Every structure is written in C-alpha cells, then in structure tokens.
Amino acid sequence: MKFEISRLMTPQGTFKLVGELIHSDDQQLIYHQAWFMGTDGWVELDISSPVTVSVLAQIKNTVIAHLLSD
C-alpha cells in the first residue's frame, strides 16, 4: 500500500513521509522520501543515511498505527 503522510507528530518530532507499507508477517515500511520539521520548516532527510534509518526505525510503530487507523 503506497502512502503519503503530510504531517505526523511522533515523540521523535514531526515528519512528512512518502513510501509503501508491505503487508507481511512483520509489516515492512519502505520510504521513498522523508522530511523532518525543523525550526525553519521542512528539512529533507537522506533516507540512506544510517542516522535517518535509525530514526525511521524508531517511529515505525507510530507510522504503521497511523496508516492502519485511516
């Protein structure tokens, strides 16, 4: 299932996300683009960066819960 989330507030901050939810035994998220709300607006994240991968892993459950609640 493809998704676009325009604003998602999480304990790690506010994100804008584009990607896909793969329904399987361990529901997987594949991100195509991600932004973080910084002090001056949206900051695009490098989704291949280890730091970004770690942050996105931390918000996985929040993203899935948001997607499945719609």
N, C-alpha and C. Protein backbone atom coordinates (compact mmCIF):
# COMPACT_ATOMS: atom_id res chain seq x y z
N MET A 1 0.84 -1.17 0.00
CA MET A 1 0.00 0.00 0.00
C MET A 1 0.90 1.24 0.00
N LYS A 2 0.75 2.06 -1.02
CA LYS A 2 1.51 3.31 -1.08
C LYS A 2 0.87 4.34 -0.15
N PHE A 3 1.72 5.21 0.40
CA PHE A 3 1.19 6.23 1.31
C PHE A 3 1.94 7.54 1.17
N GLU A 4 1.23 8.61 1.53
CA GLU A 4 1.80 9.95 1.69
C GLU A 4 1.20 10.51 2.96
N ILE A 5 2.06 10.79 3.93
CA ILE A 5 1.61 11.38 5.19
C ILE A 5 2.13 12.81 5.21
N SER A 6 1.22 13.77 5.25
CA SER A 6 1.64 15.18 5.14
C SER A 6 2.17 15.74 6.46
N ARG A 7 1.78 15.12 7.60
CA ARG A 7 2.27 15.61 8.89
C ARG A 7 1.96 14.55 9.93
N LEU A 8 3.01 14.01 10.55
CA LEU A 8 2.85 13.00 11.58
C LEU A 8 3.68 13.41 12.79
N MET A 9 3.00 13.67 13.89
CA MET A 9 3.70 14.04 15.12
C MET A 9 4.06 12.77 15.88
N THR A 10 5.33 12.66 16.26
CA THR A 10 5.83 11.49 16.99
C THR A 10 6.67 11.98 18.17
N PRO A 11 7.03 11.09 19.09
CA PRO A 11 7.93 11.50 20.17
C PRO A 11 9.30 11.98 19.66
N GLN A 12 9.69 11.55 18.45
CA GLN A 12 10.97 11.95 17.88
C GLN A 12 10.87 13.24 17.06
N GLY A 13 9.67 13.79 16.90
CA GLY A 13 9.50 15.01 16.13
C GLY A 13 8.36 14.87 15.15
N THR A 14 8.24 15.85 14.26
CA THR A 14 7.17 15.87 13.26
C THR A 14 7.77 15.53 11.90
N PHE A 15 7.11 14.61 11.19
CA PHE A 15 7.62 14.10 9.92
C PHE A 15 6.59 14.20 8.82
N LYS A 16 7.09 14.31 7.60
CA LYS A 16 6.30 14.17 6.38
C LYS A 16 6.93 12.99 5.65
N LEU A 17 6.11 12.00 5.24
CA LEU A 17 6.65 10.75 4.73
C LEU A 17 5.93 10.29 3.46
N VAL A 18 6.72 9.70 2.55
CA VAL A 18 6.19 9.08 1.34
C VAL A 18 6.82 7.71 1.24
N GLY A 19 5.99 6.69 1.00
CA GLY A 19 6.55 5.35 0.90
C GLY A 19 5.50 4.30 0.67
N GLU A 20 5.83 3.08 1.10
CA GLU A 20 4.94 1.94 0.93
C GLU A 20 4.94 1.11 2.21
N LEU A 21 3.76 0.59 2.53
CA LEU A 21 3.61 -0.37 3.62
C LEU A 21 3.44 -1.73 2.98
N ILE A 22 4.34 -2.65 3.30
CA ILE A 22 4.28 -4.01 2.77
C ILE A 22 3.65 -4.88 3.84
N HIS A 23 2.47 -5.40 3.53
CA HIS A 23 1.78 -6.29 4.48
C HIS A 23 2.43 -7.67 4.42
N SER A 24 3.03 -8.05 5.51
CA SER A 24 3.63 -9.38 5.64
C SER A 24 3.59 -9.74 7.12
N ASP A 25 4.28 -10.79 7.51
CA ASP A 25 4.30 -11.19 8.92
C ASP A 25 4.80 -10.06 9.83
N ASP A 26 5.76 -9.28 9.34
CA ASP A 26 6.35 -8.21 10.17
C ASP A 26 6.22 -6.84 9.51
N GLN A 27 5.09 -6.52 8.98
CA GLN A 27 4.81 -5.29 8.26
C GLN A 27 6.04 -4.40 8.09
N GLN A 28 6.42 -4.26 6.84
CA GLN A 28 7.65 -3.53 6.49
C GLN A 28 7.29 -2.19 5.87
N LEU A 29 8.08 -1.17 6.20
CA LEU A 29 7.93 0.15 5.60
C LEU A 29 9.10 0.41 4.67
N ILE A 30 8.79 0.89 3.48
CA ILE A 30 9.82 1.32 2.53
C ILE A 30 9.58 2.80 2.28
N TYR A 31 10.56 3.61 2.62
CA TYR A 31 10.42 5.05 2.45
C TYR A 31 11.04 5.49 1.13
N HIS A 32 10.31 6.35 0.41
CA HIS A 32 10.82 6.95 -0.82
C HIS A 32 11.35 8.35 -0.55
N GLN A 33 10.69 9.06 0.37
CA GLN A 33 11.12 10.39 0.77
C GLN A 33 10.69 10.61 2.22
N ALA A 34 11.45 11.41 2.94
CA ALA A 34 11.12 11.74 4.31
C ALA A 34 11.63 13.14 4.62
N TRP A 35 10.84 13.88 5.38
CA TRP A 35 11.20 15.22 5.82
C TRP A 35 10.96 15.31 7.31
N PHE A 36 11.74 16.17 7.96
CA PHE A 36 11.62 16.45 9.39
C PHE A 36 11.29 17.93 9.54
N MET A 37 10.38 18.26 10.46
CA MET A 37 10.05 19.67 10.68
C MET A 37 11.13 20.28 11.56
N GLY A 38 11.94 21.14 10.95
CA GLY A 38 12.97 21.85 11.68
C GLY A 38 12.48 23.21 12.11
N THR A 39 13.33 24.02 12.68
CA THR A 39 12.93 25.34 13.15
C THR A 39 12.58 26.29 12.01
N ASP A 40 13.12 26.03 10.80
CA ASP A 40 12.84 26.88 9.65
C ASP A 40 11.95 26.21 8.62
N GLY A 41 11.29 25.12 8.98
CA GLY A 41 10.40 24.43 8.05
C GLY A 41 10.87 23.01 7.79
N TRP A 42 10.36 22.43 6.71
CA TRP A 42 10.67 21.04 6.38
C TRP A 42 12.11 20.88 5.90
N VAL A 43 12.78 19.86 6.45
CA VAL A 43 14.15 19.53 6.06
C VAL A 43 14.11 18.12 5.49
N GLU A 44 14.52 17.98 4.22
CA GLU A 44 14.51 16.65 3.60
C GLU A 44 15.61 15.80 4.22
N LEU A 45 15.27 14.55 4.51
CA LEU A 45 16.22 13.62 5.11
C LEU A 45 16.81 12.71 4.04
N ASP A 46 18.07 12.35 4.21
CA ASP A 46 18.72 11.38 3.34
C ASP A 46 18.32 10.00 3.85
N ILE A 47 17.39 9.33 3.16
CA ILE A 47 16.85 8.07 3.66
C ILE A 47 17.85 6.93 3.61
N SER A 48 19.02 7.14 3.03
CA SER A 48 20.06 6.10 3.03
C SER A 48 21.07 6.30 4.16
N SER A 49 20.97 7.43 4.86
CA SER A 49 21.89 7.72 5.97
C SER A 49 21.59 6.81 7.16
N PRO A 50 22.63 6.26 7.80
CA PRO A 50 22.40 5.41 8.99
C PRO A 50 21.63 6.12 10.10
N VAL A 51 21.86 7.41 10.28
CA VAL A 51 21.14 8.15 11.32
C VAL A 51 19.65 8.23 10.98
N THR A 52 19.33 8.53 9.73
CA THR A 52 17.93 8.60 9.30
C THR A 52 17.27 7.24 9.40
N VAL A 53 17.96 6.19 8.97
CA VAL A 53 17.42 4.83 9.05
C VAL A 53 17.08 4.50 10.51
N SER A 54 17.93 4.89 11.43
CA SER A 54 17.70 4.64 12.85
C SER A 54 16.47 5.40 13.36
N VAL A 55 16.35 6.66 12.99
CA VAL A 55 15.21 7.46 13.43
C VAL A 55 13.91 6.90 12.84
N LEU A 56 13.93 6.54 11.57
CA LEU A 56 12.73 5.99 10.94
C LEU A 56 12.35 4.66 11.57
N ALA A 57 13.32 3.87 11.99
CA ALA A 57 13.04 2.62 12.68
C ALA A 57 12.35 2.90 14.02
N GLN A 58 12.74 3.98 14.68
CA GLN A 58 12.15 4.33 15.97
C GLN A 58 10.68 4.73 15.85
N ILE A 59 10.28 5.28 14.69
CA ILE A 59 8.90 5.72 14.52
C ILE A 59 8.05 4.70 13.75
N LYS A 60 8.61 3.53 13.44
CA LYS A 60 7.91 2.52 12.63
C LYS A 60 6.52 2.21 13.18
N ASN A 61 6.41 1.90 14.46
CA ASN A 61 5.11 1.53 15.03
C ASN A 61 4.10 2.67 14.96
N THR A 62 4.56 3.90 15.14
CA THR A 62 3.67 5.05 15.06
C THR A 62 3.16 5.23 13.63
N VAL A 63 4.05 5.06 12.65
CA VAL A 63 3.67 5.19 11.24
C VAL A 63 2.66 4.11 10.87
N ILE A 64 2.92 2.88 11.25
CA ILE A 64 2.01 1.78 10.91
C ILE A 64 0.66 1.98 11.58
N ALA A 65 0.65 2.38 12.85
CA ALA A 65 -0.61 2.64 13.54
C ALA A 65 -1.40 3.73 12.84
N HIS A 66 -0.73 4.79 12.40
CA HIS A 66 -1.38 5.88 11.67
C HIS A 66 -1.99 5.38 10.37
N LEU A 67 -1.22 4.60 9.62
CA LEU A 67 -1.70 4.10 8.33
C LEU A 67 -2.88 3.15 8.48
N LEU A 68 -2.85 2.31 9.49
CA LEU A 68 -3.92 1.34 9.68
C LEU A 68 -5.16 1.93 10.32
N SER A 69 -5.04 3.14 10.88
CA SER A 69 -6.20 3.78 11.50
C SER A 69 -7.07 4.51 10.48
N ASP A 70 -6.52 4.78 9.30
CA ASP A 70 -7.28 5.51 8.27
C ASP A 70 -8.27 4.64 7.54
